C-alpha atoms as a PDB file:
ATOM      1  CA  MET A   1      -5.979  18.143 129.818  1.00  0.00           C
ATOM      2  CA  LYS A   2      -9.000  15.884 130.289  1.00  0.00           C
ATOM      3  CA  ARG A   3      -9.144  14.236 133.698  1.00  0.00           C
ATOM      4  CA  LYS A   4     -11.586  11.850 135.332  1.00  0.00           C
ATOM      5  CA  ILE A   5     -11.884   9.488 138.245  1.00  0.00           C
ATOM      6  CA  GLY A   6     -11.237   6.099 136.683  1.00  0.00           C
ATOM      7  CA  ALA A   7     -12.154   3.887 139.631  1.00  0.00           C
ATOM      8  CA  ILE A   8     -13.249   3.959 143.239  1.00  0.00           C
ATOM      9  CA  SER A   9     -11.913   1.275 145.550  1.00  0.00           C
ATOM     10  CA  LEU A  10     -14.502  -0.764 147.449  1.00  0.00           C
ATOM     11  CA  VAL A  11     -13.132  -2.969 150.240  1.00  0.00           C
ATOM     12  CA  VAL A  12     -14.745  -6.422 150.167  1.00  0.00           C
ATOM     13  CA  LYS A  13     -14.477  -9.633 152.161  1.00  0.00           C
ATOM     14  CA  ASP A  14     -14.158 -11.934 149.149  1.00  0.00           C
ATOM     15  CA  TYR A  15     -13.631 -11.226 145.456  1.00  0.00           C
ATOM     16  CA  ASP A  16     -15.904 -13.957 144.149  1.00  0.00           C
ATOM     17  CA  GLU A  17     -18.896 -13.300 146.419  1.00  0.00           C
ATOM     18  CA  ALA A  18     -18.641  -9.577 145.638  1.00  0.00           C
ATOM     19  CA  ILE A  19     -18.541 -10.256 141.885  1.00  0.00           C
ATOM     20  CA  GLN A  20     -21.591 -12.523 142.236  1.00  0.00           C
ATOM     21  CA  PHE A  21     -23.571  -9.859 144.079  1.00  0.00           C
ATOM     22  CA  TYR A  22     -22.763  -6.951 141.779  1.00  0.00           C
ATOM     23  CA  VAL A  23     -23.113  -8.897 138.532  1.00  0.00           C
ATOM     24  CA  LYS A  24     -26.122 -11.066 139.400  1.00  0.00           C
ATOM     25  CA  LYS A  25     -28.158  -8.768 141.670  1.00  0.00           C
ATOM     26  CA  LEU A  26     -27.241  -5.282 140.453  1.00  0.00           C
ATOM     27  CA  ASN A  27     -26.633  -6.208 136.782  1.00  0.00           C
ATOM     28  CA  PHE A  28     -23.124  -4.739 136.764  1.00  0.00           C
ATOM     29  CA  LYS A  29     -20.586  -5.804 134.159  1.00  0.00           C
ATOM     30  CA  LEU A  30     -17.351  -7.547 135.075  1.00  0.00           C
ATOM     31  CA  ILE A  31     -14.816  -5.473 133.153  1.00  0.00           C
ATOM     32  CA  GLU A  32     -11.603  -7.134 134.321  1.00  0.00           C
ATOM     33  CA  ASP A  33     -10.483  -9.890 136.685  1.00  0.00           C
ATOM     34  CA  THR A  34      -6.715 -10.309 136.593  1.00  0.00           C
ATOM     35  CA  LYS A  35      -4.711 -12.357 139.088  1.00  0.00           C
ATOM     36  CA  LEU A  36      -1.782 -10.294 140.388  1.00  0.00           C
ATOM     37  CA  ASP A  37      -0.349 -12.837 142.829  1.00  0.00           C
ATOM     38  CA  GLU A  38      -1.577 -15.723 144.998  1.00  0.00           C
ATOM     39  CA  GLU A  39      -3.926 -13.489 147.013  1.00  0.00           C
ATOM     40  CA  LYS A  40      -4.419 -10.270 145.073  1.00  0.00           C
ATOM     41  CA  ARG A  41      -6.548  -9.639 141.981  1.00  0.00           C
ATOM     42  CA  TRP A  42      -7.347  -6.582 139.887  1.00  0.00           C
ATOM     43  CA  VAL A  43     -11.152  -6.745 139.713  1.00  0.00           C
ATOM     44  CA  ILE A  44     -13.027  -3.958 137.944  1.00  0.00           C
ATOM     45  CA  ILE A  45     -16.819  -3.784 137.735  1.00  0.00           C
ATOM     46  CA  SER A  46     -19.071  -1.177 136.172  1.00  0.00           C
ATOM     47  CA  PRO A  47     -22.811  -0.465 135.985  1.00  0.00           C
ATOM     48  CA  SER A  48     -22.521  -0.652 132.184  1.00  0.00           C
ATOM     49  CA  ASN A  49     -19.930  -1.138 129.479  1.00  0.00           C
ATOM     50  CA  ASN A  50     -19.553   2.583 128.785  1.00  0.00           C
ATOM     51  CA  THR A  51     -19.216   4.042 132.282  1.00  0.00           C
ATOM     52  CA  GLU A  52     -16.246   6.328 132.818  1.00  0.00           C
ATOM     53  CA  THR A  53     -16.012   5.641 136.549  1.00  0.00           C
ATOM     54  CA  ASN A  54     -15.617   2.010 137.605  1.00  0.00           C
ATOM     55  CA  ILE A  55     -15.374   0.200 140.930  1.00  0.00           C
ATOM     56  CA  LEU A  56     -12.219  -1.651 141.921  1.00  0.00           C
ATOM     57  CA  LEU A  57     -13.094  -4.527 144.245  1.00  0.00           C
ATOM     58  CA  ALA A  58     -10.300  -4.670 146.815  1.00  0.00           C
ATOM     59  CA  GLN A  59     -10.267  -7.741 149.054  1.00  0.00           C
ATOM     60  CA  ALA A  60      -9.279  -6.848 152.618  1.00  0.00           C
ATOM     61  CA  THR A  61      -5.860  -8.232 153.555  1.00  0.00           C
ATOM     62  CA  ASN A  62      -5.525  -7.194 157.215  1.00  0.00           C
ATOM     63  CA  PRO A  63      -7.680  -6.480 160.289  1.00  0.00           C
ATOM     64  CA  GLU A  64      -7.658  -2.713 159.696  1.00  0.00           C
ATOM     65  CA  GLN A  65      -9.027  -3.137 156.177  1.00  0.00           C
ATOM     66  CA  GLU A  66     -11.566  -5.706 157.396  1.00  0.00           C
ATOM     67  CA  LYS A  67     -13.003  -3.049 159.742  1.00  0.00           C
ATOM     68  CA  ALA A  68     -13.849  -0.896 156.711  1.00  0.00           C
ATOM     69  CA  ILE A  69     -15.941  -3.569 154.983  1.00  0.00           C
ATOM     70  CA  GLY A  70     -19.499  -2.273 154.782  1.00  0.00           C
ATOM     71  CA  TYR A  71     -18.645   0.894 156.690  1.00  0.00           C
ATOM     72  CA  GLN A  72     -16.371   2.880 154.401  1.00  0.00           C
ATOM     73  CA  THR A  73     -18.220   6.155 155.010  1.00  0.00           C
ATOM     74  CA  GLY A  74     -19.164   5.739 158.646  1.00  0.00           C
ATOM     75  CA  GLY A  75     -22.732   4.704 157.863  1.00  0.00           C
ATOM     76  CA  ARG A  76     -23.593   7.384 155.304  1.00  0.00           C
ATOM     77  CA  VAL A  77     -24.622   6.668 151.729  1.00  0.00           C
ATOM     78  CA  PHE A  78     -21.388   5.725 149.971  1.00  0.00           C
ATOM     79  CA  LEU A  79     -22.154   5.375 146.273  1.00  0.00           C
ATOM     80  CA  PHE A  80     -24.795   6.752 143.927  1.00  0.00           C
ATOM     81  CA  LEU A  81     -26.085   4.574 141.104  1.00  0.00           C
ATOM     82  CA  ASN A  82     -27.717   6.717 138.422  1.00  0.00           C
ATOM     83  CA  THR A  83     -30.283   5.101 136.153  1.00  0.00           C
ATOM     84  CA  ASP A  84     -32.369   6.083 133.153  1.00  0.00           C
ATOM     85  CA  ASP A  85     -35.256   3.846 134.325  1.00  0.00           C
ATOM     86  CA  PHE A  86     -35.722   3.858 138.095  1.00  0.00           C
ATOM     87  CA  TRP A  87     -38.646   1.435 138.256  1.00  0.00           C
ATOM     88  CA  ARG A  88     -36.999  -1.120 135.931  1.00  0.00           C
ATOM     89  CA  ASP A  89     -33.865  -1.243 138.088  1.00  0.00           C
ATOM     90  CA  TYR A  90     -35.684  -1.008 141.426  1.00  0.00           C
ATOM     91  CA  ASN A  91     -38.042  -3.881 140.564  1.00  0.00           C
ATOM     92  CA  SER A  92     -35.222  -5.997 139.150  1.00  0.00           C
ATOM     93  CA  MET A  93     -33.048  -5.503 142.216  1.00  0.00           C
ATOM     94  CA  LYS A  94     -35.943  -6.093 144.596  1.00  0.00           C
ATOM     95  CA  SER A  95     -36.856  -9.355 142.829  1.00  0.00           C
ATOM     96  CA  LYS A  96     -33.241 -10.525 143.302  1.00  0.00           C
ATOM     97  CA  GLY A  97     -33.283  -9.920 147.057  1.00  0.00           C
ATOM     98  CA  VAL A  98     -31.480  -6.581 147.298  1.00  0.00           C
ATOM     99  CA  ILE A  99     -32.305  -4.961 150.652  1.00  0.00           C
ATOM    100  CA  PHE A 100     -33.910  -1.524 150.481  1.00  0.00           C
ATOM    101  CA  LEU A 101     -33.868   0.645 153.588  1.00  0.00           C
ATOM    102  CA  GLU A 102     -36.905   2.728 152.632  1.00  0.00           C
ATOM    103  CA  GLU A 103     -39.661   3.103 150.081  1.00  0.00           C
ATOM    104  CA  PRO A 104     -38.828   4.960 146.850  1.00  0.00           C
ATOM    105  CA  ARG A 105     -39.433   8.677 147.134  1.00  0.00           C
ATOM    106  CA  GLU A 106     -39.659  11.740 144.913  1.00  0.00           C
ATOM    107  CA  GLU A 107     -37.198  14.535 145.627  1.00  0.00           C
ATOM    108  CA  VAL A 108     -36.679  17.824 143.814  1.00  0.00           C
ATOM    109  CA  TYR A 109     -33.773  16.235 141.926  1.00  0.00           C
ATOM    110  CA  GLY A 110     -35.510  12.951 141.016  1.00  0.00           C
ATOM    111  CA  THR A 111     -36.694   9.542 142.190  1.00  0.00           C
ATOM    112  CA  VAL A 112     -34.453   7.889 144.791  1.00  0.00           C
ATOM    113  CA  VAL A 113     -34.223   4.965 147.193  1.00  0.00           C
ATOM    114  CA  VAL A 114     -31.476   3.776 149.551  1.00  0.00           C
ATOM    115  CA  PHE A 115     -30.308   0.155 149.388  1.00  0.00           C
ATOM    116  CA  LYS A 116     -27.519  -1.915 150.931  1.00  0.00           C
ATOM    117  CA  ASP A 117     -24.934  -4.011 149.163  1.00  0.00           C
ATOM    118  CA  LEU A 118     -23.968  -7.447 150.459  1.00  0.00           C
ATOM    119  CA  TYR A 119     -21.642  -5.945 153.087  1.00  0.00           C
ATOM    120  CA  GLY A 120     -23.984  -3.208 154.297  1.00  0.00           C
ATOM    121  CA  ASN A 121     -22.623  -0.221 152.369  1.00  0.00           C
ATOM    122  CA  LYS A 122     -25.453   2.202 151.631  1.00  0.00           C
ATOM    123  CA  TRP A 123     -26.161   3.222 148.049  1.00  0.00           C
ATOM    124  CA  ASP A 124     -28.665   5.563 146.418  1.00  0.00           C
ATOM    125  CA  LEU A 125     -30.455   4.403 143.286  1.00  0.00           C
ATOM    126  CA  ILE A 126     -31.401   7.637 141.512  1.00  0.00           C
ATOM    127  CA  GLN A 127     -33.180   8.666 138.355  1.00  0.00           C
ATOM    128  CA  HIS A 128     -32.538  12.390 137.984  1.00  0.00           C
ATOM    129  CA  LYS A 129     -35.220  14.687 136.588  1.00  0.00           C
ATOM    130  CA  ASN A 130     -34.368  16.044 133.170  1.00  0.00           C
END
């Protein structure tokens, strides 16, 4: 049996502002945006059209969920965005105002830099060594 993680839920303040950030600043693709009821939507984004693991944008609906916005992992890096061209993506994101928390660095596994999304979640942008 083939199994995979299909999506990871990311708690957001607002569907539309989250879509804007991920699509316009990080060049993600909007895969699906389906209205489920008056307040809830099924919003799937992905770094590219052929990614097996997607992100489900989940708008917070109560105070407990609102506390998790931007702090889903207690301040640690939450998500890891792999790229085949680090400098292309880094320069593109930087030119669009994405906040980087450090300068790019070389590690034994590849080139990496930490950035924040619009809510403060930390991400790694990584190009792994072959």
